[in-house]
Amino acid sequence: MTRQRSKILDRARLLYSPALRYFAAVAEHGAIRAASRELNVASSAVNRQILWLEDSLGVPLFERVGRRLQLSPAGDILLRHVTHVLRDFEETASEIDALKGLKRGIVRIASVESVATELLTDLAASFGEAYPDIQLKITVTHANKITRLVTDSEVDIGFTFDPGSDDTLSIGYERDFEIGAVVKKNHPLATQDTVSFASCVEYPIILPAKGLSLRAALDKMLSNTDASVFAEVSTLQMMRKLAQKGLGVCFQTRIGLEDQMQEADMVFLPLNDEALPKNRLAIITHAQRQLKLAPAMFVSHARQHFADLFPNN
């Protein structure tokens, strides 16, 4: 059990039954003795609480596998509940601390790669300067996973593209970014101000992997072409590296590209196809859950940060 989890359990001891706290410790360690050492209580006391919990629920919560205790299917369900309860308690305690003037808290964030590497780093840095005692927990993943993380309350805030229409989502900020082709300056297309997707597929292309928001937009254009795909890549940085080596045309938005384009001797050419949708950056939260104080402060800070960064929105 981590020291942080132990502190959370210790703070929660007056509000939640010993059975749930002891169950969480046994699930963490896979053994009653190890859990009892962590909790600083007798092994017999931990065992009694587990037996009482199993008797009350009418199902076994653990299965013995070798010398370890492994969660049963019912135990998995209960652990998810306990994890949510402890996380909610941790956030509530952080809010109370903030009201006391301590300005502590935790913000759980999920972000797509391009935003995480090109925008979120500076945003997190400026937020950290303003609120040094608020902890950020950042997960970088594909756009199609971020909506689920938000709706399942696994994270507080999502930075994604084109989240779609969902009644469980609230949009805190949005901005459209045009999609363009990225090529070396000596590429035949580089002399043009804008290009069509059809002209790009006359050369080998480098596609974002399925699951990235850019790929969903490009798939609408790909169905009518005989494109020669050199590679499908899950990271935008590798796509640019391959294009820089002259291995094909890659497709991205302008986010974070300006400095890199000059250094890498490459150019960004907006795609001029009317049928191609723009990539919409959005900050999303759960519409049916009120944000705790620290996440709400982060969303407010992000809105201002992006308004300063993209003043023409």
Protein backbone atom coordinates (compact mmCIF):
# COMPACT_ATOMS: atom_id res chain seq x y z
CA MET A 1 0.00 0.00 0.00
CA THR A 2 1.37 3.40 -0.90
CA ARG A 3 2.06 5.94 1.84
CA GLN A 4 -0.52 8.26 0.28
CA ARG A 5 -3.22 5.54 0.30
CA SER A 6 -2.34 4.79 3.93
CA LYS A 7 -2.81 8.45 4.86
CA ILE A 8 -6.17 8.53 3.08
CA LEU A 9 -7.34 5.42 4.91
CA ASP A 10 -6.17 6.92 8.19
CA ARG A 11 -8.15 10.13 7.61
CA ALA A 12 -11.20 8.14 6.57
CA ARG A 13 -11.24 5.86 9.63
CA LEU A 14 -13.89 7.92 11.43
CA LEU A 15 -16.27 8.00 8.46
CA TYR A 16 -16.01 4.52 6.95
CA SER A 17 -16.34 1.13 8.59
CA PRO A 18 -13.24 -0.89 9.51
CA ALA A 19 -14.49 -3.69 7.26
CA LEU A 20 -14.14 -1.60 4.09
CA ARG A 21 -10.77 -0.18 5.10
CA TYR A 22 -9.42 -3.61 6.03
CA PHE A 23 -10.81 -5.10 2.82
CA ALA A 24 -9.00 -2.45 0.74
CA ALA A 25 -5.72 -3.19 2.53
CA VAL A 26 -6.00 -6.96 2.02
CA ALA A 27 -6.86 -6.42 -1.66
CA GLU A 28 -3.77 -4.19 -1.99
CA HIS A 29 -1.37 -6.65 -0.33
CA GLY A 30 -2.94 -9.99 -1.16
CA ALA A 31 -2.39 -11.17 2.42
CA ILE A 32 -3.99 -10.56 5.80
CA ARG A 33 -0.70 -10.35 7.71
CA ALA A 34 0.76 -7.76 5.37
CA ALA A 35 -2.44 -5.74 5.58
CA SER A 36 -2.43 -5.92 9.38
CA ARG A 37 1.13 -4.59 9.50
CA GLU A 38 0.20 -1.69 7.25
CA LEU A 39 -2.92 -0.92 9.29
CA ASN A 40 -1.13 -1.51 12.61
CA VAL A 41 -3.87 -3.83 13.89
CA ALA A 42 -3.91 -7.51 14.78
CA SER A 43 -4.26 -10.06 11.97
CA SER A 44 -7.19 -11.62 13.81
CA ALA A 45 -9.03 -8.28 13.75
CA VAL A 46 -8.51 -7.94 9.98
CA ASN A 47 -9.66 -11.52 9.43
CA ARG A 48 -12.82 -11.00 11.54
CA GLN A 49 -13.78 -7.92 9.54
CA ILE A 50 -13.28 -9.71 6.22
CA LEU A 51 -15.37 -12.67 7.42
CA TRP A 52 -18.09 -10.30 8.67
CA LEU A 53 -18.13 -8.49 5.35
CA GLU A 54 -18.39 -11.74 3.39
CA ASP A 55 -21.16 -12.97 5.69
CA SER A 56 -23.07 -9.70 5.36
CA LEU A 57 -22.85 -9.72 1.56
CA GLY A 58 -23.39 -13.45 1.24
CA VAL A 59 -20.48 -13.98 -1.18
CA PRO A 60 -16.75 -14.74 -0.87
CA LEU A 61 -14.57 -11.73 -1.59
CA PHE A 62 -11.24 -13.53 -1.92
CA GLU A 63 -9.93 -16.75 -3.41
CA ARG A 64 -6.70 -18.34 -2.19
CA VAL A 65 -4.16 -18.75 -5.00
CA GLY A 66 -0.99 -20.29 -3.63
CA ARG A 67 0.02 -18.19 -0.62
CA ARG A 68 -1.84 -15.11 -1.80
CA LEU A 69 -5.42 -13.96 -1.55
CA GLN A 70 -6.88 -12.99 -4.91
CA LEU A 71 -10.07 -11.01 -5.38
CA SER A 72 -13.15 -12.96 -6.40
CA PRO A 73 -15.52 -11.48 -9.01
CA ALA A 74 -17.58 -10.04 -6.15
CA GLY A 75 -14.40 -8.69 -4.58
CA ASP A 76 -13.53 -6.89 -7.81
CA ILE A 77 -16.92 -5.15 -7.76
CA LEU A 78 -16.54 -4.13 -4.12
CA LEU A 79 -12.99 -2.84 -4.66
CA ARG A 80 -14.21 -0.55 -7.43
CA HIS A 81 -16.78 0.86 -5.01
CA VAL A 82 -14.24 1.30 -2.23
CA THR A 83 -11.79 2.98 -4.63
CA HIS A 84 -14.44 5.50 -5.70
CA VAL A 85 -15.43 6.12 -2.07
CA LEU A 86 -11.83 6.76 -0.99
CA ARG A 87 -11.15 8.96 -4.01
CA ASP A 88 -14.26 11.03 -3.30
CA PHE A 89 -13.21 11.34 0.33
CA GLU A 90 -9.70 12.42 -0.73
CA GLU A 91 -11.15 15.12 -2.99
CA THR A 92 -13.60 16.26 -0.32
CA ALA A 93 -10.80 16.50 2.23
CA SER A 94 -8.78 18.52 -0.28
CA GLU A 95 -11.69 20.94 -0.71
CA ILE A 96 -11.98 21.36 3.04
CA ASP A 97 -8.25 22.00 3.22
CA ALA A 98 -8.62 24.61 0.50
CA LEU A 99 -11.40 26.33 2.44
CA LYS A 100 -9.03 26.47 5.39
CA GLY A 101 -6.61 28.41 3.20
CA LEU A 102 -4.22 25.55 2.49
CA LYS A 103 -5.01 25.55 -1.28
CA ARG A 104 -4.36 21.84 -1.58
CA GLY A 105 -6.08 19.45 -3.91
CA ILE A 106 -5.75 16.92 -6.70
CA VAL A 107 -6.66 17.37 -10.37
CA ARG A 108 -6.97 14.24 -12.51
CA ILE A 109 -6.49 14.99 -16.19
CA ALA A 110 -6.60 12.91 -19.37
CA SER A 111 -5.18 14.40 -22.56
CA VAL A 112 -4.44 13.47 -26.14
CA GLU A 113 -0.75 13.40 -27.02
CA SER A 114 -0.59 16.59 -29.10
CA VAL A 115 -2.21 18.70 -26.37
CA ALA A 116 -0.17 17.05 -23.62
CA THR A 117 3.19 17.66 -25.28
CA GLU A 118 2.52 20.99 -26.97
CA LEU A 119 0.02 22.81 -24.72
CA LEU A 120 -0.49 21.08 -21.40
CA THR A 121 3.15 21.34 -20.31
CA ASP A 122 3.10 25.15 -20.29
CA LEU A 123 -0.42 25.19 -18.86
CA ALA A 124 0.59 22.89 -16.00
CA ALA A 125 3.69 24.98 -15.34
CA SER A 126 1.76 28.24 -15.07
CA PHE A 127 -0.88 26.59 -12.90
CA GLY A 128 1.83 25.13 -10.66
CA GLU A 129 3.33 28.56 -10.15
CA ALA A 130 -0.05 29.92 -9.05
CA TYR A 131 -1.08 26.89 -6.97
CA PRO A 132 2.07 24.99 -5.95
CA ASP A 133 0.29 22.73 -3.44
CA ILE A 134 -2.26 21.35 -5.92
CA GLN A 135 -1.18 18.02 -7.39
CA LEU A 136 -1.78 17.15 -11.04
CA LYS A 137 -2.25 13.54 -12.16
CA ILE A 138 -2.03 13.44 -15.96
CA THR A 139 -2.83 10.50 -18.23
CA VAL A 140 -1.94 10.68 -21.94
CA THR A 141 -4.11 8.47 -24.12
CA HIS A 142 -6.16 8.33 -27.32
CA ALA A 143 -9.13 10.61 -27.91
CA ASN A 144 -11.60 7.72 -27.99
CA LYS A 145 -10.64 6.76 -24.42
CA ILE A 146 -10.80 10.22 -22.88
CA THR A 147 -14.58 10.54 -23.10
CA ARG A 148 -14.97 7.23 -21.26
CA LEU A 149 -12.50 8.28 -18.54
CA VAL A 150 -14.52 11.45 -17.95
CA THR A 151 -17.96 9.82 -18.03
CA ASP A 152 -16.75 7.03 -15.70
CA SER A 153 -15.35 9.69 -13.35
CA GLU A 154 -11.86 8.20 -13.60
CA VAL A 155 -10.57 11.72 -14.36
CA ASP A 156 -11.92 15.19 -13.63
CA ILE A 157 -10.97 16.89 -16.90
CA GLY A 158 -10.34 15.75 -20.46
CA PHE A 159 -8.39 17.54 -23.18
CA THR A 160 -9.44 15.98 -26.44
CA PHE A 161 -10.54 16.59 -30.01
CA ASP A 162 -14.06 16.20 -31.39
CA PRO A 163 -15.67 14.57 -28.34
CA GLY A 164 -19.05 14.34 -30.08
CA SER A 165 -22.47 14.92 -28.62
CA ASP A 166 -23.06 13.33 -25.21
CA ASP A 167 -25.48 14.48 -22.51
CA THR A 168 -23.04 13.36 -19.82
CA LEU A 169 -20.34 15.73 -21.07
CA SER A 170 -19.95 19.44 -20.42
CA ILE A 171 -17.74 21.47 -22.76
CA GLY A 172 -15.65 24.00 -20.85
CA TYR A 173 -13.74 25.32 -23.85
CA GLU A 174 -13.55 24.59 -27.57
CA ARG A 175 -11.60 25.86 -30.57
CA ASP A 176 -11.30 24.66 -34.17
CA PHE A 177 -7.90 23.92 -35.72
CA GLU A 178 -7.41 23.34 -39.42
CA ILE A 179 -5.75 20.13 -40.57
CA GLY A 180 -2.77 20.40 -42.87
CA ALA A 181 -0.07 18.41 -44.62
CA VAL A 182 3.45 18.49 -43.19
CA VAL A 183 6.30 17.99 -45.69
CA LYS A 184 9.97 18.80 -46.15
CA LYS A 185 10.72 22.15 -47.74
CA ASN A 186 12.14 20.40 -50.83
CA HIS A 187 8.97 18.32 -51.33
CA PRO A 188 7.11 19.02 -54.62
CA LEU A 189 4.04 20.20 -52.65
CA ALA A 190 6.00 22.67 -50.52
CA THR A 191 5.74 25.52 -53.04
CA GLN A 192 1.94 25.75 -52.62
CA ASP A 193 0.07 27.83 -50.04
CA THR A 194 -2.64 25.18 -49.56
CA VAL A 195 -3.09 21.65 -50.90
CA SER A 196 -5.90 19.21 -51.48
CA PHE A 197 -5.97 15.77 -49.94
CA ALA A 198 -6.06 14.29 -53.45
CA SER A 199 -2.78 16.00 -54.32
CA CYS A 200 -1.20 14.65 -51.12
CA VAL A 201 -2.08 11.02 -51.88
CA GLU A 202 -0.17 11.24 -55.14
CA TYR A 203 2.79 10.65 -52.81
CA PRO A 204 3.29 8.14 -50.00
CA ILE A 205 1.42 9.25 -46.88
CA ILE A 206 1.93 8.74 -43.14
CA LEU A 207 -1.33 8.31 -41.27
CA PRO A 208 -2.19 8.69 -37.60
CA ALA A 209 -3.20 5.36 -36.08
CA LYS A 210 -6.86 4.50 -35.62
CA GLY A 211 -8.11 5.95 -32.35
CA LEU A 212 -6.47 9.32 -32.90
CA SER A 213 -8.94 12.09 -33.68
CA LEU A 214 -7.04 13.10 -36.82
CA ARG A 215 -7.50 9.63 -38.26
CA ALA A 216 -11.28 9.80 -37.91
CA ALA A 217 -11.32 13.01 -39.98
CA LEU A 218 -8.94 11.64 -42.62
CA ASP A 219 -10.79 8.34 -43.02
CA LYS A 220 -13.67 10.25 -44.62
CA MET A 221 -11.28 11.35 -47.35
CA LEU A 222 -9.37 8.07 -47.71
CA SER A 223 -12.35 6.02 -48.87
CA ASN A 224 -12.30 7.67 -52.30
CA THR A 225 -8.56 7.31 -52.97
CA ASP A 226 -5.95 4.71 -53.85
CA ALA A 227 -3.49 6.11 -51.34
CA SER A 228 -0.10 4.52 -50.80
CA VAL A 229 0.26 4.41 -47.03
CA PHE A 230 3.88 4.23 -45.92
CA ALA A 231 3.07 3.94 -42.21
CA GLU A 232 0.36 4.26 -39.59
CA VAL A 233 1.79 5.77 -36.41
CA SER A 234 0.32 6.29 -32.95
CA THR A 235 2.44 9.32 -32.03
CA LEU A 236 2.46 12.67 -33.81
CA GLN A 237 6.14 13.23 -33.12
CA MET A 238 7.14 10.05 -34.96
CA MET A 239 4.88 11.03 -37.87
CA ARG A 240 6.82 14.29 -38.20
CA LYS A 241 10.16 12.48 -37.94
CA LEU A 242 9.22 10.15 -40.80
CA ALA A 243 8.04 13.07 -42.93
CA GLN A 244 11.28 14.91 -42.11
CA LYS A 245 13.23 11.98 -43.56
CA GLY A 246 11.28 12.33 -46.78
CA LEU A 247 9.34 9.11 -46.35
CA GLY A 248 5.91 10.62 -46.94
CA VAL A 249 3.36 13.33 -46.27
CA CYS A 250 1.94 13.42 -42.74
CA PHE A 251 -1.15 15.24 -41.48
CA GLN A 252 -1.44 17.34 -38.33
CA THR A 253 -2.81 20.59 -36.93
CA ARG A 254 -0.69 23.66 -36.21
CA ILE A 255 -0.60 22.95 -32.48
CA GLY A 256 2.99 23.27 -31.37
CA LEU A 257 4.38 23.14 -34.91
CA GLU A 258 5.69 26.66 -35.53
CA ASP A 259 9.10 26.36 -33.87
CA GLN A 260 9.57 22.75 -34.91
CA MET A 261 8.86 23.48 -38.56
CA GLN A 262 11.69 26.00 -38.78
CA GLU A 263 14.16 23.80 -36.95
CA ALA A 264 13.29 20.71 -39.00
CA ASP A 265 13.22 22.56 -42.36
CA MET A 266 9.60 21.58 -42.93
CA VAL A 267 6.37 23.37 -43.86
CA PHE A 268 2.70 23.15 -42.89
CA LEU A 269 0.24 23.30 -45.80
CA PRO A 270 -3.45 23.71 -44.87
CA LEU A 271 -5.76 21.22 -46.58
CA ASN A 272 -8.35 23.11 -48.64
CA ASP A 273 -10.94 20.32 -49.01
CA GLU A 274 -14.40 21.61 -48.07
CA ALA A 275 -15.47 18.10 -47.04
CA LEU A 276 -12.67 17.84 -44.48
CA PRO A 277 -13.84 18.86 -41.00
CA LYS A 278 -11.64 20.91 -38.74
CA ASN A 279 -10.20 19.35 -35.62
CA ARG A 280 -12.04 20.76 -32.59
CA LEU A 281 -10.06 21.01 -29.37
CA ALA A 282 -12.31 20.71 -26.32
CA ILE A 283 -11.97 20.71 -22.55
CA ILE A 284 -14.57 18.27 -21.23
CA THR A 285 -15.92 17.47 -17.76
CA HIS A 286 -18.77 15.35 -16.42
CA ALA A 287 -22.03 17.27 -16.87
CA GLN A 288 -23.74 15.54 -13.94
CA ARG A 289 -20.95 15.87 -11.37
CA GLN A 290 -19.97 19.22 -9.93
CA LEU A 291 -16.24 19.78 -10.12
CA LYS A 292 -14.35 19.90 -6.87
CA LEU A 293 -12.56 23.13 -6.08
CA ALA A 294 -9.10 22.21 -7.43
CA PRO A 295 -10.32 20.85 -10.82
CA ALA A 296 -12.64 23.84 -11.20
CA MET A 297 -9.69 26.16 -10.60
CA PHE A 298 -7.69 24.29 -13.23
CA VAL A 299 -10.45 24.57 -15.86
CA SER A 300 -10.73 28.30 -15.20
CA HIS A 301 -6.96 28.67 -15.49
CA ALA A 302 -6.94 26.64 -18.73
CA ARG A 303 -9.64 28.82 -20.32
CA GLN A 304 -7.65 31.96 -19.63
CA HIS A 305 -4.40 30.34 -20.76
CA PHE A 306 -5.90 29.27 -24.10
CA ALA A 307 -7.63 32.64 -24.56
CA ASP A 308 -4.22 34.31 -24.26
CA LEU A 309 -2.58 31.72 -26.50
CA PHE A 310 -5.25 31.78 -29.23
CA PRO A 311 -6.63 35.35 -29.10
CA ASN A 312 -8.47 35.10 -32.45
CA ASN A 313 -10.89 32.43 -31.28
